[in-house]
N, C-alpha and C. Protein backbone atom coordinates (compact mmCIF):
# COMPACT_ATOMS: atom_id res chain seq x y z
N MET A 1 111.09 126.18 102.25
CA MET A 1 110.26 125.62 101.19
C MET A 1 109.44 126.73 100.56
N PRO A 2 109.38 126.78 99.23
CA PRO A 2 108.56 127.79 98.57
C PRO A 2 107.08 127.57 98.87
N ALA A 3 106.32 128.63 98.72
CA ALA A 3 104.87 128.53 98.94
C ALA A 3 104.27 127.54 97.94
N LEU A 4 103.36 126.74 98.43
CA LEU A 4 102.69 125.77 97.56
C LEU A 4 101.60 126.47 96.76
N PRO A 5 101.31 125.97 95.58
CA PRO A 5 100.26 126.58 94.77
C PRO A 5 98.89 126.07 95.19
N SER A 6 97.87 126.86 94.88
CA SER A 6 96.52 126.32 94.98
C SER A 6 96.33 125.49 93.71
N MET A 7 95.45 124.51 93.76
CA MET A 7 95.22 123.68 92.58
C MET A 7 93.83 123.11 92.59
N LYS A 8 93.36 122.78 91.42
CA LYS A 8 92.06 122.13 91.29
C LYS A 8 92.14 120.72 91.85
N ALA A 9 91.02 120.22 92.35
CA ALA A 9 90.98 118.86 92.89
C ALA A 9 91.39 117.84 91.83
N SER A 10 91.01 118.08 90.59
CA SER A 10 91.37 117.14 89.50
C SER A 10 92.88 117.13 89.27
N GLU A 11 93.55 118.28 89.42
CA GLU A 11 95.01 118.34 89.27
C GLU A 11 95.69 117.56 90.40
N LEU A 12 95.19 117.72 91.63
CA LEU A 12 95.79 117.00 92.76
C LEU A 12 95.58 115.50 92.61
N LEU A 13 94.41 115.08 92.16
CA LEU A 13 94.15 113.66 91.95
C LEU A 13 95.11 113.10 90.89
N ARG A 14 95.32 113.83 89.82
CA ARG A 14 96.25 113.41 88.76
C ARG A 14 97.67 113.30 89.32
N LEU A 15 98.06 114.25 90.17
CA LEU A 15 99.38 114.25 90.80
C LEU A 15 99.55 113.02 91.71
N LEU A 16 98.52 112.69 92.46
CA LEU A 16 98.59 111.54 93.36
C LEU A 16 98.68 110.22 92.59
N LYS A 17 98.10 110.17 91.41
CA LYS A 17 98.10 108.92 90.63
C LYS A 17 99.40 108.65 89.90
N ARG A 18 100.19 109.69 89.63
CA ARG A 18 101.41 109.46 88.85
C ARG A 18 102.59 109.08 89.75
N GLN A 19 103.68 108.67 89.11
CA GLN A 19 104.90 108.28 89.82
C GLN A 19 105.47 109.49 90.54
N PRO A 20 106.06 109.39 91.67
CA PRO A 20 106.39 108.19 92.43
C PRO A 20 105.32 107.78 93.44
N LEU A 21 104.21 108.54 93.54
CA LEU A 21 103.19 108.23 94.55
C LEU A 21 102.35 107.01 94.15
N SER A 22 101.97 106.92 92.92
CA SER A 22 101.27 105.76 92.35
C SER A 22 100.00 105.37 93.10
N TYR A 23 99.21 106.34 93.48
CA TYR A 23 97.91 106.02 94.08
C TYR A 23 96.98 105.54 93.00
N ARG A 24 96.05 104.69 93.39
CA ARG A 24 95.02 104.22 92.48
C ARG A 24 93.69 104.22 93.23
N VAL A 25 92.61 104.34 92.49
CA VAL A 25 91.28 104.38 93.10
C VAL A 25 90.89 102.97 93.51
N GLU A 26 90.63 102.81 94.80
CA GLU A 26 90.16 101.51 95.29
C GLU A 26 88.64 101.44 95.22
N ARG A 27 88.00 102.54 95.60
CA ARG A 27 86.53 102.60 95.49
C ARG A 27 86.10 104.06 95.52
N GLN A 28 84.87 104.27 95.05
CA GLN A 28 84.31 105.61 95.05
C GLN A 28 82.85 105.52 95.44
N LYS A 29 82.44 106.40 96.34
CA LYS A 29 81.04 106.49 96.73
C LYS A 29 80.68 107.97 96.73
N GLY A 30 79.89 108.36 95.75
CA GLY A 30 79.57 109.78 95.59
C GLY A 30 80.83 110.55 95.23
N SER A 31 81.11 111.60 96.00
CA SER A 31 82.28 112.41 95.71
C SER A 31 83.51 111.96 96.49
N HIS A 32 83.38 110.91 97.30
CA HIS A 32 84.51 110.44 98.10
C HIS A 32 85.22 109.28 97.41
N ILE A 33 86.53 109.46 97.24
CA ILE A 33 87.34 108.45 96.57
C ILE A 33 88.36 107.92 97.57
N LYS A 34 88.44 106.60 97.72
CA LYS A 34 89.47 106.00 98.55
C LYS A 34 90.63 105.62 97.63
N LEU A 35 91.79 106.20 97.91
CA LEU A 35 92.99 105.95 97.13
C LEU A 35 93.94 105.08 97.93
N VAL A 36 94.59 104.13 97.26
CA VAL A 36 95.58 103.28 97.91
C VAL A 36 96.85 103.26 97.07
N SER A 37 97.96 103.04 97.75
CA SER A 37 99.26 102.96 97.11
C SER A 37 100.04 101.85 97.80
N ASP A 38 100.93 101.21 97.07
CA ASP A 38 101.74 100.15 97.66
C ASP A 38 102.75 100.69 98.67
N SER A 39 103.18 101.94 98.50
CA SER A 39 104.24 102.48 99.35
C SER A 39 103.80 103.62 100.25
N ARG A 40 102.54 103.98 100.23
CA ARG A 40 102.03 105.12 101.00
C ARG A 40 100.76 104.73 101.75
N PRO A 41 100.40 105.51 102.79
CA PRO A 41 99.16 105.21 103.52
C PRO A 41 97.92 105.46 102.66
N PRO A 42 96.81 104.78 102.96
CA PRO A 42 95.57 105.02 102.21
C PRO A 42 95.10 106.46 102.43
N LEU A 43 94.34 106.95 101.49
CA LEU A 43 93.91 108.34 101.52
C LEU A 43 92.46 108.41 101.09
N LEU A 44 91.64 109.10 101.88
CA LEU A 44 90.25 109.35 101.51
C LEU A 44 90.19 110.77 100.97
N PHE A 45 89.78 110.91 99.75
CA PHE A 45 89.84 112.17 99.02
C PHE A 45 88.43 112.59 98.66
N ALA A 46 87.98 113.76 99.16
CA ALA A 46 86.67 114.30 98.78
C ALA A 46 86.86 115.04 97.46
N PHE A 47 86.44 114.42 96.40
CA PHE A 47 86.73 114.89 95.05
C PHE A 47 85.58 115.72 94.50
N HIS A 48 85.82 117.02 94.39
CA HIS A 48 84.89 117.94 93.73
C HIS A 48 85.70 118.57 92.60
N GLN A 49 85.50 118.08 91.41
CA GLN A 49 86.38 118.30 90.27
C GLN A 49 86.78 119.75 90.07
N ASN A 50 85.87 120.67 90.13
CA ASN A 50 86.17 122.07 89.83
C ASN A 50 86.52 122.89 91.06
N GLN A 51 86.55 122.25 92.22
CA GLN A 51 86.86 122.97 93.45
C GLN A 51 88.34 123.34 93.48
N ASN A 52 88.64 124.56 93.87
CA ASN A 52 90.01 125.02 94.00
C ASN A 52 90.47 124.74 95.43
N LEU A 53 91.55 123.99 95.59
CA LEU A 53 92.08 123.68 96.91
C LEU A 53 93.14 124.73 97.27
N PRO A 54 93.00 125.38 98.43
CA PRO A 54 93.99 126.38 98.83
C PRO A 54 95.33 125.72 99.17
N PRO A 55 96.42 126.50 99.16
CA PRO A 55 97.75 125.94 99.43
C PRO A 55 97.84 125.17 100.76
N GLY A 56 97.15 125.63 101.79
CA GLY A 56 97.18 124.94 103.07
C GLY A 56 96.58 123.54 103.00
N MET A 57 95.54 123.38 102.21
CA MET A 57 94.91 122.07 102.04
C MET A 57 95.83 121.15 101.23
N VAL A 58 96.48 121.70 100.21
CA VAL A 58 97.43 120.91 99.41
C VAL A 58 98.56 120.41 100.31
N ARG A 59 99.08 121.29 101.18
CA ARG A 59 100.13 120.92 102.12
C ARG A 59 99.66 119.83 103.09
N THR A 60 98.46 119.99 103.63
CA THR A 60 97.92 119.00 104.57
C THR A 60 97.81 117.63 103.93
N ILE A 61 97.32 117.58 102.71
CA ILE A 61 97.16 116.30 102.02
C ILE A 61 98.52 115.67 101.73
N LEU A 62 99.43 116.44 101.14
CA LEU A 62 100.72 115.88 100.74
C LEU A 62 101.65 115.60 101.92
N LYS A 63 101.67 116.47 102.92
CA LYS A 63 102.61 116.32 104.02
C LYS A 63 102.04 115.44 105.14
N ASP A 64 100.86 115.79 105.63
CA ASP A 64 100.31 115.10 106.79
C ASP A 64 99.66 113.76 106.44
N GLN A 65 98.89 113.73 105.36
CA GLN A 65 98.16 112.51 105.04
C GLN A 65 98.97 111.52 104.20
N VAL A 66 99.70 112.02 103.21
CA VAL A 66 100.52 111.15 102.36
C VAL A 66 101.87 110.86 103.02
N GLY A 67 102.38 111.83 103.80
CA GLY A 67 103.64 111.62 104.52
C GLY A 67 104.88 112.06 103.78
N LEU A 68 104.75 113.00 102.85
CA LEU A 68 105.91 113.48 102.10
C LEU A 68 106.69 114.52 102.91
N SER A 69 108.00 114.53 102.73
CA SER A 69 108.83 115.57 103.33
C SER A 69 108.75 116.82 102.44
N ASP A 70 109.27 117.93 102.94
CA ASP A 70 109.28 119.17 102.14
C ASP A 70 110.02 118.98 100.82
N GLU A 71 111.14 118.26 100.86
CA GLU A 71 111.92 118.02 99.66
C GLU A 71 111.15 117.16 98.66
N GLU A 72 110.45 116.14 99.16
CA GLU A 72 109.65 115.27 98.29
C GLU A 72 108.50 116.05 97.66
N ILE A 73 107.90 116.95 98.43
CA ILE A 73 106.80 117.77 97.89
C ILE A 73 107.33 118.64 96.75
N GLU A 74 108.48 119.23 96.93
CA GLU A 74 109.09 120.05 95.87
C GLU A 74 109.32 119.23 94.61
N LEU A 75 109.82 118.01 94.78
CA LEU A 75 110.09 117.14 93.62
C LEU A 75 108.78 116.75 92.92
N VAL A 76 107.77 116.39 93.70
CA VAL A 76 106.51 115.96 93.13
C VAL A 76 105.84 117.11 92.39
N LEU A 77 105.89 118.31 92.99
CA LEU A 77 105.26 119.48 92.36
C LEU A 77 106.18 120.17 91.36
N LYS A 78 107.46 119.77 91.37
CA LYS A 78 108.47 120.37 90.49
C LYS A 78 108.54 121.88 90.67
N LEU A 79 108.68 122.30 91.95
CA LEU A 79 108.77 123.74 92.26
C LEU A 79 110.17 124.25 92.02
C-alpha cells in the first residue's frame, strides 16, 4: 500500500461524509463530533478544522476505527 497523505481535519471529515462511507453528524459538543453511518461503526472525531493529521492518524481512523481494508482506503483516497 502506498504511503498515506497527511490531511487537514476538515478534508478527512469531508472524505468520511461522502460515498461510499456516508457518515453523517449525529451530534457535536465543542470540538467533538459523533459520526454515524448505516454501514460502518460509529466514530467519535475530535475536529480541529485547521489541524494537520499525520499519515499514521489518517491510517488509524480509516483502518482501525472505520474498518476499511488497504484496498478500500486506496479507493476512498484515490491513491
